[in-house]
Amino acid sequence: MKKMQKSIKLFVIALIVACQASYAQTNKTLENQPPKHAYIFTADSLAGFDEKAARDRAISSGLYGEEYKVGMFLFKREFVNSKYGIT
């Protein structure tokens, strides 16, 4: 009986340690950050960007909902990178 109780205690301790170890592996800093496609570009960076053409391009590509937001972000990022020679 004592051996069974000792085994149960060791199992519970091992389970607690395993749970703590897996919790420590999560990246808590990324959980609180907004998604990258929520970035708001400054107006001067987007000067010359054709929003309507980009919107039409996104819709014709079948982007809707969250995909639309990501697509618009990528179109804007592509424009800014091209405008300022960023590779």
C-alpha atoms as a PDB file:
ATOM      1  CA  MET A   1       0.000   0.000   0.000  1.00  0.00           C
ATOM      2  CA  LYS A   2       2.827   2.401   0.876  1.00  0.00           C
ATOM      3  CA  LYS A   3       4.527   1.615  -2.421  1.00  0.00           C
ATOM      4  CA  MET A   4       1.309   2.480  -4.305  1.00  0.00           C
ATOM      5  CA  GLN A   5       0.962   5.830  -2.481  1.00  0.00           C
ATOM      6  CA  LYS A   6       4.590   6.672  -3.215  1.00  0.00           C
ATOM      7  CA  SER A   7       4.077   5.823  -6.901  1.00  0.00           C
ATOM      8  CA  ILE A   8       0.991   8.037  -7.079  1.00  0.00           C
ATOM      9  CA  LYS A   9       2.833  10.941  -5.427  1.00  0.00           C
ATOM     10  CA  LEU A  10       5.743  10.578  -7.861  1.00  0.00           C
ATOM     11  CA  PHE A  11       3.327  10.466 -10.791  1.00  0.00           C
ATOM     12  CA  VAL A  12       1.539  13.626  -9.640  1.00  0.00           C
ATOM     13  CA  ILE A  13       4.848  15.453  -9.159  1.00  0.00           C
ATOM     14  CA  ALA A  14       6.049  14.351 -12.605  1.00  0.00           C
ATOM     15  CA  LEU A  15       2.757  15.511 -14.129  1.00  0.00           C
ATOM     16  CA  ILE A  16       3.044  18.929 -12.478  1.00  0.00           C
ATOM     17  CA  VAL A  17       6.634  19.336 -13.655  1.00  0.00           C
ATOM     18  CA  ALA A  18       5.694  18.320 -17.207  1.00  0.00           C
ATOM     19  CA  CYS A  19       2.831  20.825 -17.297  1.00  0.00           C
ATOM     20  CA  GLN A  20       5.052  23.624 -16.032  1.00  0.00           C
ATOM     21  CA  ALA A  21       7.715  22.817 -18.605  1.00  0.00           C
ATOM     22  CA  SER A  22       5.255  22.946 -21.497  1.00  0.00           C
ATOM     23  CA  TYR A  23       3.778  26.219 -20.235  1.00  0.00           C
ATOM     24  CA  ALA A  24       7.230  27.775 -20.141  1.00  0.00           C
ATOM     25  CA  GLN A  25       7.689  27.036 -23.851  1.00  0.00           C
ATOM     26  CA  THR A  26       4.889  29.373 -24.955  1.00  0.00           C
ATOM     27  CA  ASN A  27       5.951  32.776 -26.210  1.00  0.00           C
ATOM     28  CA  LYS A  28       3.912  35.188 -24.145  1.00  0.00           C
ATOM     29  CA  THR A  29       5.346  38.304 -25.811  1.00  0.00           C
ATOM     30  CA  LEU A  30       3.868  37.428 -29.214  1.00  0.00           C
ATOM     31  CA  GLU A  31       0.412  36.780 -27.789  1.00  0.00           C
ATOM     32  CA  ASN A  32      -0.067  40.448 -26.906  1.00  0.00           C
ATOM     33  CA  GLN A  33       1.098  41.902 -30.214  1.00  0.00           C
ATOM     34  CA  PRO A  34      -1.331  42.870 -32.966  1.00  0.00           C
ATOM     35  CA  PRO A  35      -1.011  40.979 -36.246  1.00  0.00           C
ATOM     36  CA  LYS A  36       1.453  42.446 -38.740  1.00  0.00           C
ATOM     37  CA  HIS A  37      -1.280  43.186 -41.278  1.00  0.00           C
ATOM     38  CA  ALA A  38      -2.828  45.605 -38.750  1.00  0.00           C
ATOM     39  CA  TYR A  39       0.151  47.942 -39.236  1.00  0.00           C
ATOM     40  CA  ILE A  40      -0.925  51.412 -40.329  1.00  0.00           C
ATOM     41  CA  PHE A  41       1.386  53.006 -42.863  1.00  0.00           C
ATOM     42  CA  THR A  42       1.975  56.739 -42.632  1.00  0.00           C
ATOM     43  CA  ALA A  43       0.274  58.938 -45.210  1.00  0.00           C
ATOM     44  CA  ASP A  44       3.552  60.171 -46.695  1.00  0.00           C
ATOM     45  CA  SER A  45       4.734  56.589 -47.226  1.00  0.00           C
ATOM     46  CA  LEU A  46       1.578  55.772 -49.162  1.00  0.00           C
ATOM     47  CA  ALA A  47       1.571  58.970 -51.234  1.00  0.00           C
ATOM     48  CA  GLY A  48       0.982  57.780 -54.793  1.00  0.00           C
ATOM     49  CA  PHE A  49      -0.456  54.408 -53.767  1.00  0.00           C
ATOM     50  CA  ASP A  50      -3.571  53.566 -55.812  1.00  0.00           C
ATOM     51  CA  GLU A  51      -5.923  52.199 -53.156  1.00  0.00           C
ATOM     52  CA  LYS A  52      -8.758  51.517 -55.611  1.00  0.00           C
ATOM     53  CA  ALA A  53      -6.527  49.520 -57.971  1.00  0.00           C
ATOM     54  CA  ALA A  54      -5.148  47.520 -55.035  1.00  0.00           C
ATOM     55  CA  ARG A  55      -8.681  46.865 -53.749  1.00  0.00           C
ATOM     56  CA  ASP A  56      -9.806  45.709 -57.191  1.00  0.00           C
ATOM     57  CA  ARG A  57      -6.712  43.499 -57.463  1.00  0.00           C
ATOM     58  CA  ALA A  58      -7.444  41.927 -54.061  1.00  0.00           C
ATOM     59  CA  ILE A  59     -11.099  41.261 -54.857  1.00  0.00           C
ATOM     60  CA  SER A  60     -10.321  39.885 -58.323  1.00  0.00           C
ATOM     61  CA  SER A  61      -7.801  37.565 -56.664  1.00  0.00           C
ATOM     62  CA  GLY A  62     -10.584  36.217 -54.457  1.00  0.00           C
ATOM     63  CA  LEU A  63      -9.372  37.772 -51.216  1.00  0.00           C
ATOM     64  CA  TYR A  64     -12.117  38.347 -48.649  1.00  0.00           C
ATOM     65  CA  GLY A  65     -12.238  38.877 -44.907  1.00  0.00           C
ATOM     66  CA  GLU A  66      -8.929  38.378 -43.132  1.00  0.00           C
ATOM     67  CA  GLU A  67      -7.224  37.416 -46.412  1.00  0.00           C
ATOM     68  CA  TYR A  68      -8.294  40.769 -47.883  1.00  0.00           C
ATOM     69  CA  LYS A  69      -6.639  42.635 -44.995  1.00  0.00           C
ATOM     70  CA  VAL A  70      -3.429  40.649 -45.411  1.00  0.00           C
ATOM     71  CA  GLY A  71      -3.480  41.172 -49.180  1.00  0.00           C
ATOM     72  CA  MET A  72      -3.933  44.929 -48.825  1.00  0.00           C
ATOM     73  CA  PHE A  73      -1.104  45.038 -46.291  1.00  0.00           C
ATOM     74  CA  LEU A  74       1.163  43.149 -48.704  1.00  0.00           C
ATOM     75  CA  PHE A  75       0.245  45.459 -51.614  1.00  0.00           C
ATOM     76  CA  LYS A  76       1.027  48.495 -49.463  1.00  0.00           C
ATOM     77  CA  ARG A  77       4.269  46.955 -48.199  1.00  0.00           C
ATOM     78  CA  GLU A  78       5.271  46.141 -51.784  1.00  0.00           C
ATOM     79  CA  PHE A  79       4.568  49.762 -52.805  1.00  0.00           C
ATOM     80  CA  VAL A  80       6.540  51.252 -49.896  1.00  0.00           C
ATOM     81  CA  ASN A  81       9.461  48.882 -50.480  1.00  0.00           C
ATOM     82  CA  SER A  82       9.533  49.801 -54.164  1.00  0.00           C
ATOM     83  CA  LYS A  83       9.176  53.536 -53.457  1.00  0.00           C
ATOM     84  CA  TYR A  84      12.060  53.648 -50.986  1.00  0.00           C
ATOM     85  CA  GLY A  85      14.235  50.962 -52.621  1.00  0.00           C
ATOM     86  CA  ILE A  86      13.889  48.529 -49.721  1.00  0.00           C
ATOM     87  CA  THR A  87      14.786  44.939 -50.531  1.00  0.00           C
END
